[in-house]
Amino acid sequence: MSKVTKKLQVSIPKSLADRYGIRAGDDLEWEPAGDNLRVRLAITPEYRFDLSDRLRLFDEATDRQTRRQTIRSLQVEQDRGWTRQGLYTADDSTG
């Protein structure tokens, strides 16, 4: 059994949270059902990623970033005819 706090907050028993896959931060929808209330997850569980999926996605993103950095390090810098340092150290003969 759960009690409602002064701030109208309700705790979900751990056994029910585990059974239905409810985790901290999940959004719940409250619906009237006659003289009762019905509670359900706002996002269906099939759209959630488990730990192995999250780790796989993280590893894929890390690999993409590593490839991008490798490509950038292999690119030859183009000669623009000027350098950043040259802009600040050149004599200003127009003044």
PDB file of N, CA and C in Angstrom:
ATOM      1  N   MET A   1       0.840  -1.175   0.000  1.00  0.00           N
ATOM      2  CA  MET A   1       0.000   0.000   0.000  1.00  0.00           C
ATOM      3  C   MET A   1       0.893   1.248   0.000  1.00  0.00           C
ATOM      4  N   SER A   2       0.470   2.287  -0.697  1.00  0.00           N
ATOM      5  CA  SER A   2       1.191   3.552  -0.759  1.00  0.00           C
ATOM      6  C   SER A   2       0.340   4.647  -0.134  1.00  0.00           C
ATOM      7  N   LYS A   3       1.009   5.650   0.418  1.00  0.00           N
ATOM      8  CA  LYS A   3       0.304   6.815   0.966  1.00  0.00           C
ATOM      9  C   LYS A   3       0.627   8.029   0.105  1.00  0.00           C
ATOM     10  N   VAL A   4      -0.291   8.939   0.065  1.00  0.00           N
ATOM     11  CA  VAL A   4      -0.111  10.195  -0.660  1.00  0.00           C
ATOM     12  C   VAL A   4       0.515  11.203   0.302  1.00  0.00           C
ATOM     13  N   THR A   5       1.613  11.863  -0.128  1.00  0.00           N
ATOM     14  CA  THR A   5       2.284  12.846   0.723  1.00  0.00           C
ATOM     15  C   THR A   5       1.547  14.180   0.670  1.00  0.00           C
ATOM     16  N   LYS A   6       2.018  15.133   1.471  1.00  0.00           N
ATOM     17  CA  LYS A   6       1.428  16.476   1.473  1.00  0.00           C
ATOM     18  C   LYS A   6       1.546  17.150   0.112  1.00  0.00           C
ATOM     19  N   LYS A   7       2.582  16.768  -0.651  1.00  0.00           N
ATOM     20  CA  LYS A   7       2.783  17.338  -1.985  1.00  0.00           C
ATOM     21  C   LYS A   7       2.075  16.519  -3.060  1.00  0.00           C
ATOM     22  N   LEU A   8       1.183  15.629  -2.637  1.00  0.00           N
ATOM     23  CA  LEU A   8       0.411  14.763  -3.534  1.00  0.00           C
ATOM     24  C   LEU A   8       1.293  13.817  -4.332  1.00  0.00           C
ATOM     25  N   GLN A   9       2.398  13.363  -3.721  1.00  0.00           N
ATOM     26  CA  GLN A   9       3.283  12.404  -4.364  1.00  0.00           C
ATOM     27  C   GLN A   9       2.951  11.004  -3.873  1.00  0.00           C
ATOM     28  N   VAL A  10       3.132  10.037  -4.761  1.00  0.00           N
ATOM     29  CA  VAL A  10       2.822   8.651  -4.439  1.00  0.00           C
ATOM     30  C   VAL A  10       4.050   7.801  -4.756  1.00  0.00           C
ATOM     31  N   SER A  11       4.381   6.865  -3.877  1.00  0.00           N
ATOM     32  CA  SER A  11       5.467   5.922  -4.127  1.00  0.00           C
ATOM     33  C   SER A  11       4.890   4.660  -4.752  1.00  0.00           C
ATOM     34  N   ILE A  12       5.636   4.108  -5.680  1.00  0.00           N
ATOM     35  CA  ILE A  12       5.228   2.863  -6.329  1.00  0.00           C
ATOM     36  C   ILE A  12       5.996   1.728  -5.656  1.00  0.00           C
ATOM     37  N   PRO A  13       5.310   0.699  -5.227  1.00  0.00           N
ATOM     38  CA  PRO A  13       6.024  -0.431  -4.619  1.00  0.00           C
ATOM     39  C   PRO A  13       7.054  -1.008  -5.594  1.00  0.00           C
ATOM     40  N   LYS A  14       8.239  -1.349  -5.078  1.00  0.00           N
ATOM     41  CA  LYS A  14       9.325  -1.835  -5.914  1.00  0.00           C
ATOM     42  C   LYS A  14       8.923  -3.059  -6.715  1.00  0.00           C
ATOM     43  N   SER A  15       8.171  -3.958  -6.122  1.00  0.00           N
ATOM     44  CA  SER A  15       7.777  -5.174  -6.839  1.00  0.00           C
ATOM     45  C   SER A  15       6.955  -4.833  -8.082  1.00  0.00           C
ATOM     46  N   LEU A  16       6.080  -3.834  -7.975  1.00  0.00           N
ATOM     47  CA  LEU A  16       5.276  -3.427  -9.134  1.00  0.00           C
ATOM     48  C   LEU A  16       6.121  -2.672 -10.155  1.00  0.00           C
ATOM     49  N   ALA A  17       7.017  -1.815  -9.667  1.00  0.00           N
ATOM     50  CA  ALA A  17       7.892  -1.075 -10.587  1.00  0.00           C
ATOM     51  C   ALA A  17       8.761  -2.048 -11.383  1.00  0.00           C
ATOM     52  N   ASP A  18       9.315  -3.048 -10.710  1.00  0.00           N
ATOM     53  CA  ASP A  18      10.132  -4.051 -11.401  1.00  0.00           C
ATOM     54  C   ASP A  18       9.300  -4.854 -12.391  1.00  0.00           C
ATOM     55  N   ARG A  19       8.123  -5.239 -11.973  1.00  0.00           N
ATOM     56  CA  ARG A  19       7.251  -6.071 -12.826  1.00  0.00           C
ATOM     57  C   ARG A  19       6.861  -5.359 -14.113  1.00  0.00           C
ATOM     58  N   TYR A  20       6.604  -4.052 -14.029  1.00  0.00           N
ATOM     59  CA  TYR A  20       6.135  -3.298 -15.195  1.00  0.00           C
ATOM     60  C   TYR A  20       7.218  -2.428 -15.824  1.00  0.00           C
ATOM     61  N   GLY A  21       8.440  -2.530 -15.354  1.00  0.00           N
ATOM     62  CA  GLY A  21       9.547  -1.805 -15.967  1.00  0.00           C
ATOM     63  C   GLY A  21       9.514  -0.307 -15.726  1.00  0.00           C
ATOM     64  N   ILE A  22       8.963   0.110 -14.596  1.00  0.00           N
ATOM     65  CA  ILE A  22       8.905   1.538 -14.270  1.00  0.00           C
ATOM     66  C   ILE A  22      10.211   1.922 -13.594  1.00  0.00           C
ATOM     67  N   ARG A  23      10.842   2.997 -14.104  1.00  0.00           N
ATOM     68  CA  ARG A  23      12.121   3.447 -13.563  1.00  0.00           C
ATOM     69  C   ARG A  23      12.031   4.914 -13.163  1.00  0.00           C
ATOM     70  N   ALA A  24      12.993   5.348 -12.371  1.00  0.00           N
ATOM     71  CA  ALA A  24      13.054   6.755 -11.956  1.00  0.00           C
ATOM     72  C   ALA A  24      13.111   7.641 -13.187  1.00  0.00           C
ATOM     73  N   GLY A  25      12.318   8.688 -13.210  1.00  0.00           N
ATOM     74  CA  GLY A  25      12.297   9.611 -14.340  1.00  0.00           C
ATOM     75  C   GLY A  25      11.244   9.287 -15.391  1.00  0.00           C
ATOM     76  N   ASP A  26      10.624   8.102 -15.308  1.00  0.00           N
ATOM     77  CA  ASP A  26       9.569   7.759 -16.268  1.00  0.00           C
ATOM     78  C   ASP A  26       8.341   8.636 -16.050  1.00  0.00           C
ATOM     79  N   ASP A  27       7.642   8.938 -17.134  1.00  0.00           N
ATOM     80  CA  ASP A  27       6.393   9.678 -17.057  1.00  0.00           C
ATOM     81  C   ASP A  27       5.237   8.695 -16.961  1.00  0.00           C
ATOM     82  N   LEU A  28       4.333   8.971 -16.049  1.00  0.00           N
ATOM     83  CA  LEU A  28       3.153   8.137 -15.886  1.00  0.00           C
ATOM     84  C   LEU A  28       1.919   8.950 -16.229  1.00  0.00           C
ATOM     85  N   GLU A  29       0.940   8.300 -16.803  1.00  0.00           N
ATOM     86  CA  GLU A  29      -0.333   8.944 -17.100  1.00  0.00           C
ATOM     87  C   GLU A  29      -1.379   8.411 -16.142  1.00  0.00           C
ATOM     88  N   TRP A  30      -2.176   9.313 -15.588  1.00  0.00           N
ATOM     89  CA  TRP A  30      -3.248   8.956 -14.666  1.00  0.00           C
ATOM     90  C   TRP A  30      -4.571   9.160 -15.394  1.00  0.00           C
ATOM     91  N   GLU A  31      -5.415   8.144 -15.386  1.00  0.00           N
ATOM     92  CA  GLU A  31      -6.701   8.216 -16.087  1.00  0.00           C
ATOM     93  C   GLU A  31      -7.825   7.790 -15.142  1.00  0.00           C
ATOM     94  N   PRO A  32      -8.944   8.487 -15.230  1.00  0.00           N
ATOM     95  CA  PRO A  32     -10.091   8.031 -14.438  1.00  0.00           C
ATOM     96  C   PRO A  32     -10.643   6.727 -15.016  1.00  0.00           C
ATOM     97  N   ALA A  33     -11.032   5.822 -14.127  1.00  0.00           N
ATOM     98  CA  ALA A  33     -11.613   4.543 -14.536  1.00  0.00           C
ATOM     99  C   ALA A  33     -12.782   4.246 -13.595  1.00  0.00           C
ATOM    100  N   GLY A  34     -13.884   4.925 -13.839  1.00  0.00           N
ATOM    101  CA  GLY A  34     -15.031   4.778 -12.940  1.00  0.00           C
ATOM    102  C   GLY A  34     -14.692   5.405 -11.601  1.00  0.00           C
ATOM    103  N   ASP A  35     -14.798   4.630 -10.532  1.00  0.00           N
ATOM    104  CA  ASP A  35     -14.464   5.121  -9.189  1.00  0.00           C
ATOM    105  C   ASP A  35     -12.992   4.895  -8.845  1.00  0.00           C
ATOM    106  N   ASN A  36     -12.215   4.459  -9.811  1.00  0.00           N
ATOM    107  CA  ASN A  36     -10.797   4.157  -9.590  1.00  0.00           C
ATOM    108  C   ASN A  36      -9.924   5.020 -10.492  1.00  0.00           C
ATOM    109  N   LEU A  37      -8.634   4.892 -10.294  1.00  0.00           N
ATOM    110  CA  LEU A  37      -7.657   5.547 -11.154  1.00  0.00           C
ATOM    111  C   LEU A  37      -6.849   4.471 -11.860  1.00  0.00           C
ATOM    112  N   ARG A  38      -6.507   4.736 -13.110  1.00  0.00           N
ATOM    113  CA  ARG A  38      -5.647   3.836 -13.874  1.00  0.00           C
ATOM    114  C   ARG A  38      -4.343   4.578 -14.138  1.00  0.00           C
ATOM    115  N   VAL A  39      -3.228   3.897 -13.891  1.00  0.00           N
ATOM    116  CA  VAL A  39      -1.905   4.480 -14.096  1.00  0.00           C
ATOM    117  C   VAL A  39      -1.202   3.666 -15.177  1.00  0.00           C
ATOM    118  N   ARG A  40      -0.571   4.366 -16.129  1.00  0.00           N
ATOM    119  CA  ARG A  40       0.186   3.652 -17.156  1.00  0.00           C
ATOM    120  C   ARG A  40       1.381   4.493 -17.573  1.00  0.00           C
ATOM    121  N   LEU A  41       2.385   3.818 -18.130  1.00  0.00           N
ATOM    122  CA  LEU A  41       3.560   4.521 -18.631  1.00  0.00           C
ATOM    123  C   LEU A  41       3.164   5.391 -19.810  1.00  0.00           C
ATOM    124  N   ALA A  42       3.668   6.610 -19.850  1.00  0.00           N
ATOM    125  CA  ALA A  42       3.353   7.513 -20.954  1.00  0.00           C
ATOM    126  C   ALA A  42       4.067   7.058 -22.226  1.00  0.00           C
ATOM    127  N   ILE A  43       5.239   6.451 -22.094  1.00  0.00           N
ATOM    128  CA  ILE A  43       5.987   5.925 -23.238  1.00  0.00           C
ATOM    129  C   ILE A  43       5.975   4.413 -23.109  1.00  0.00           C
ATOM    130  N   THR A  44       5.626   3.760 -24.176  1.00  0.00           N
ATOM    131  CA  THR A  44       5.558   2.308 -24.116  1.00  0.00           C
ATOM    132  C   THR A  44       6.957   1.714 -24.002  1.00  0.00           C
ATOM    133  N   PRO A  45       7.116   0.646 -23.254  1.00  0.00           N
ATOM    134  CA  PRO A  45       8.447   0.075 -23.013  1.00  0.00           C
ATOM    135  C   PRO A  45       9.190  -0.371 -24.267  1.00  0.00           C
ATOM    136  N   GLU A  46       8.509  -0.689 -25.376  1.00  0.00           N
ATOM    137  CA  GLU A  46       9.228  -1.170 -26.552  1.00  0.00           C
ATOM    138  C   GLU A  46      10.098  -0.088 -27.187  1.00  0.00           C
ATOM    139  N   TYR A  47       9.936   1.165 -26.798  1.00  0.00           N
ATOM    140  CA  TYR A  47      10.765   2.238 -27.340  1.00  0.00           C
ATOM    141  C   TYR A  47      11.999   2.489 -26.478  1.00  0.00           C
ATOM    142  N   ARG A  48      12.151   1.761 -25.393  1.00  0.00           N
ATOM    143  CA  ARG A  48      13.270   1.971 -24.496  1.00  0.00           C
ATOM    144  C   ARG A  48      14.414   1.043 -24.872  1.00  0.00           C
ATOM    145  N   PHE A  49      15.627   1.462 -24.550  1.00  0.00           N
ATOM    146  CA  PHE A  49      16.808   0.667 -24.835  1.00  0.00           C
ATOM    147  C   PHE A  49      17.289   0.010 -23.545  1.00  0.00           C
ATOM    148  N   ASP A  50      17.654  -1.252 -23.636  1.00  0.00           N
ATOM    149  CA  ASP A  50      18.250  -1.897 -22.473  1.00  0.00           C
ATOM    150  C   ASP A  50      19.740  -1.558 -22.435  1.00  0.00           C
ATOM    151  N   LEU A  51      20.418  -2.027 -21.399  1.00  0.00           N
ATOM    152  CA  LEU A  51      21.819  -1.664 -21.201  1.00  0.00           C
ATOM    153  C   LEU A  51      22.697  -2.081 -22.376  1.00  0.00           C
ATOM    154  N   SER A  52      22.501  -3.275 -22.906  1.00  0.00           N
ATOM    155  CA  SER A  52      23.348  -3.734 -24.012  1.00  0.00           C
ATOM    156  C   SER A  52      23.149  -2.871 -25.258  1.00  0.00           C
ATOM    157  N   ASP A  53      21.911  -2.434 -25.523  1.00  0.00           N
ATOM    158  CA  ASP A  53      21.653  -1.545 -26.665  1.00  0.00           C
ATOM    159  C   ASP A  53      22.317  -0.186 -26.461  1.00  0.00           C
ATOM    160  N   ARG A  54      22.218   0.361 -25.246  1.00  0.00           N
ATOM    161  CA  ARG A  54      22.827   1.661 -24.969  1.00  0.00           C
ATOM    162  C   ARG A  54      24.344   1.591 -25.107  1.00  0.00           C
ATOM    163  N   LEU A  55      24.946   0.502 -24.615  1.00  0.00           N
ATOM    164  CA  LEU A  55      26.395   0.351 -24.743  1.00  0.00           C
ATOM    165  C   LEU A  55      26.806   0.199 -26.206  1.00  0.00           C
ATOM    166  N   ARG A  56      26.028  -0.556 -26.983  1.00  0.00           N
ATOM    167  CA  ARG A  56      26.325  -0.733 -28.408  1.00  0.00           C
ATOM    168  C   ARG A  56      26.251   0.607 -29.133  1.00  0.00           C
ATOM    169  N   LEU A  57      25.206   1.392 -28.870  1.00  0.00           N
ATOM    170  CA  LEU A  57      25.053   2.705 -29.504  1.00  0.00           C
ATOM    171  C   LEU A  57      26.188   3.646 -29.100  1.00  0.00           C
ATOM    172  N   PHE A  58      26.594   3.583 -27.841  1.00  0.00           N
ATOM    173  CA  PHE A  58      27.705   4.420 -27.377  1.00  0.00           C
ATOM    174  C   PHE A  58      28.994   4.041 -28.099  1.00  0.00           C
ATOM    175  N   ASP A  59      29.246   2.734 -28.213  1.00  0.00           N
ATOM    176  CA  ASP A  59      30.454   2.280 -28.905  1.00  0.00           C
ATOM    177  C   ASP A  59      30.447   2.686 -30.375  1.00  0.00           C
ATOM    178  N   GLU A  60      29.300   2.598 -31.026  1.00  0.00           N
ATOM    179  CA  GLU A  60      29.205   3.015 -32.428  1.00  0.00           C
ATOM    180  C   GLU A  60      29.486   4.500 -32.582  1.00  0.00           C
ATOM    181  N   ALA A  61      28.953   5.311 -31.663  1.00  0.00           N
ATOM    182  CA  ALA A  61      29.189   6.756 -31.725  1.00  0.00           C
ATOM    183  C   ALA A  61      30.663   7.069 -31.476  1.00  0.00           C
ATOM    184  N   THR A  62      31.282   6.339 -30.556  1.00  0.00           N
ATOM    185  CA  THR A  62      32.708   6.539 -30.277  1.00  0.00           C
ATOM    186  C   THR A  62      33.545   6.192 -31.504  1.00  0.00           C
ATOM    187  N   ASP A  63      33.203   5.101 -32.179  1.00  0.00           N
ATOM    188  CA  ASP A  63      33.919   4.718 -33.402  1.00  0.00           C
ATOM    189  C   ASP A  63      33.778   5.780 -34.490  1.00  0.00           C
ATOM    190  N   ARG A  64      32.569   6.319 -34.658  1.00  0.00           N
ATOM    191  CA  ARG A  64      32.357   7.374 -35.664  1.00  0.00           C
ATOM    192  C   ARG A  64      33.221   8.595 -35.346  1.00  0.00           C
ATOM    193  N   GLN A  65      33.258   8.973 -34.075  1.00  0.00           N
ATOM    194  CA  GLN A  65      34.045  10.144 -33.675  1.00  0.00           C
ATOM    195  C   GLN A  65      35.533   9.893 -33.909  1.00  0.00           C
ATOM    196  N   THR A  66      36.003   8.708 -33.608  1.00  0.00           N
ATOM    197  CA  THR A  66      37.413   8.370 -33.833  1.00  0.00           C
ATOM    198  C   THR A  66      37.757   8.443 -35.310  1.00  0.00           C
ATOM    199  N   ARG A  67      36.869   7.925 -36.169  1.00  0.00           N
ATOM    200  CA  ARG A  67      37.109   7.993 -37.619  1.00  0.00           C
ATOM    201  C   ARG A  67      37.151   9.440 -38.099  1.00  0.00           C
ATOM    202  N   ARG A  68      36.229  10.281 -37.594  1.00  0.00           N
ATOM    203  CA  ARG A  68      36.233  11.700 -37.992  1.00  0.00           C
ATOM    204  C   ARG A  68      37.533  12.376 -37.585  1.00  0.00           C
ATOM    205  N   GLN A  69      38.004  12.109 -36.374  1.00  0.00           N
ATOM    206  CA  GLN A  69      39.245  12.731 -35.913  1.00  0.00           C
ATOM    207  C   GLN A  69      40.439  12.243 -36.729  1.00  0.00           C
ATOM    208  N   THR A  70      40.430  10.977 -37.114  1.00  0.00           N
ATOM    209  CA  THR A  70      41.516  10.432 -37.928  1.00  0.00           C
ATOM    210  C   THR A  70      41.539  11.103 -39.298  1.00  0.00           C
ATOM    211  N   ILE A  71      40.382  11.257 -39.907  1.00  0.00           N
ATOM    212  CA  ILE A  71      40.294  11.902 -41.219  1.00  0.00           C
ATOM    213  C   ILE A  71      40.774  13.343 -41.133  1.00  0.00           C
ATOM    214  N   ARG A  72      40.373  14.062 -40.092  1.00  0.00           N
ATOM    215  CA  ARG A  72      40.803  15.450 -39.938  1.00  0.00           C
ATOM    216  C   ARG A  72      42.305  15.560 -39.747  1.00  0.00           C
ATOM    217  N   SER A  73      42.896  14.603 -39.033  1.00  0.00           N
ATOM    218  CA  SER A  73      44.341  14.676 -38.806  1.00  0.00           C
ATOM    219  C   SER A  73      45.119  14.347 -40.075  1.00  0.00           C
ATOM    220  N   LEU A  74      44.517  13.613 -41.003  1.00  0.00           N
ATOM    221  CA  LEU A  74      45.191  13.263 -42.252  1.00  0.00           C
ATOM    222  C   LEU A  74      45.047  14.341 -43.318  1.00  0.00           C
ATOM    223  N   GLN A  75      44.089  15.236 -43.166  1.00  0.00           N
ATOM    224  CA  GLN A  75      43.881  16.278 -44.156  1.00  0.00           C
ATOM    225  C   GLN A  75      45.041  17.269 -44.115  1.00  0.00           C
ATOM    226  N   VAL A  76      45.503  17.639 -45.289  1.00  0.00           N
ATOM    227  CA  VAL A  76      46.602  18.598 -45.407  1.00  0.00           C
ATOM    228  C   VAL A  76      46.004  20.000 -45.331  1.00  0.00           C
ATOM    229  N   GLU A  77      46.595  20.819 -44.497  1.00  0.00           N
ATOM    230  CA  GLU A  77      46.104  22.182 -44.367  1.00  0.00           C
ATOM    231  C   GLU A  77      46.447  22.967 -45.628  1.00  0.00           C
ATOM    232  N   GLN A  78      45.474  23.663 -46.159  1.00  0.00           N
ATOM    233  CA  GLN A  78      45.685  24.421 -47.395  1.00  0.00           C
ATOM    234  C   GLN A  78      46.439  25.712 -47.083  1.00  0.00           C
ATOM    235  N   ASP A  79      47.314  26.100 -48.022  1.00  0.00           N
ATOM    236  CA  ASP A  79      48.062  27.341 -47.874  1.00  0.00           C
ATOM    237  C   ASP A  79      47.170  28.490 -48.331  1.00  0.00           C
ATOM    238  N   ARG A  80      46.843  29.375 -47.392  1.00  0.00           N
ATOM    239  CA  ARG A  80      45.963  30.506 -47.704  1.00  0.00           C
ATOM    240  C   ARG A  80      46.754  31.746 -48.106  1.00  0.00           C
ATOM    241  N   GLY A  81      48.066  31.666 -48.003  1.00  0.00           N
ATOM    242  CA  GLY A  81      48.882  32.831 -48.337  1.00  0.00           C
ATOM    243  C   GLY A  81      49.072  33.755 -47.150  1.00  0.00           C
ATOM    244  N   TRP A  82      48.507  33.428 -46.029  1.00  0.00           N
ATOM    245  CA  TRP A  82      48.679  34.220 -44.819  1.00  0.00           C
ATOM    246  C   TRP A  82      48.532  33.305 -43.615  1.00  0.00           C
ATOM    247  N   THR A  83      49.052  33.767 -42.485  1.00  0.00           N
ATOM    248  CA  THR A  83      48.901  33.018 -41.246  1.00  0.00           C
ATOM    249  C   THR A  83      48.220  33.906 -40.218  1.00  0.00           C
ATOM    250  N   ARG A  84      47.658  33.279 -39.241  1.00  0.00           N
ATOM    251  CA  ARG A  84      47.002  34.035 -38.178  1.00  0.00           C
ATOM    252  C   ARG A  84      48.017  34.927 -37.467  1.00  0.00           C
ATOM    253  N   GLN A  85      49.177  34.369 -37.202  1.00  0.00           N
ATOM    254  CA  GLN A  85      50.216  35.150 -36.523  1.00  0.00           C
ATOM    255  C   GLN A  85      50.644  36.332 -37.386  1.00  0.00           C
ATOM    256  N   GLY A  86      50.729  36.131 -38.713  1.00  0.00           N
ATOM    257  CA  GLY A  86      51.123  37.199 -39.623  1.00  0.00           C
ATOM    258  C   GLY A  86      50.144  38.365 -39.613  1.00  0.00           C
ATOM    259  N   LEU A  87      48.890  38.086 -39.358  1.00  0.00           N
ATOM    260  CA  LEU A  87      47.894  39.163 -39.313  1.00  0.00           C
ATOM    261  C   LEU A  87      48.157  40.126 -38.180  1.00  0.00           C
ATOM    262  N   TYR A  88      48.697  39.621 -37.090  1.00  0.00           N
ATOM    263  CA  TYR A  88      48.898  40.462 -35.890  1.00  0.00           C
ATOM    264  C   TYR A  88      50.299  41.050 -35.803  1.00  0.00           C
ATOM    265  N   THR A  89      51.232  40.525 -36.605  1.00  0.00           N
ATOM    266  CA  THR A  89      52.598  41.026 -36.521  1.00  0.00           C
ATOM    267  C   THR A  89      53.000  41.849 -37.741  1.00  0.00           C
ATOM    268  N   ALA A  90      52.172  41.932 -38.747  1.00  0.00           N
ATOM    269  CA  ALA A  90      52.496  42.686 -39.959  1.00  0.00           C
ATOM    270  C   ALA A  90      52.484  44.174 -39.652  1.00  0.00           C
ATOM    271  N   ASP A  91      53.356  44.902 -40.348  1.00  0.00           N
ATOM    272  CA  ASP A  91      53.391  46.366 -40.192  1.00  0.00           C
ATOM    273  C   ASP A  91      52.135  46.936 -40.825  1.00  0.00           C
ATOM    274  N   ASP A  92      51.603  47.929 -40.178  1.00  0.00           N
ATOM    275  CA  ASP A  92      50.440  48.617 -40.725  1.00  0.00           C
ATOM    276  C   ASP A  92      50.911  49.881 -41.423  1.00  0.00           C
ATOM    277  N   SER A  93      51.193  49.774 -42.738  1.00  0.00           N
ATOM    278  CA  SER A  93      51.754  50.921 -43.476  1.00  0.00           C
ATOM    279  C   SER A  93      50.653  51.816 -44.033  1.00  0.00           C
ATOM    280  N   THR A  94      49.371  51.445 -43.791  1.00  0.00           N
ATOM    281  CA  THR A  94      48.287  52.248 -44.336  1.00  0.00           C
ATOM    282  C   THR A  94      47.884  53.348 -43.379  1.00  0.00           C
ATOM    283  N   GLY A  95      48.338  53.274 -42.125  1.00  0.00           N
ATOM    284  CA  GLY A  95      47.904  54.137 -41.057  1.00  0.00           C
ATOM    285  C   GLY A  95      48.358  55.485 -41.119  1.00  0.00           C
TER     286      GLY A  95
END
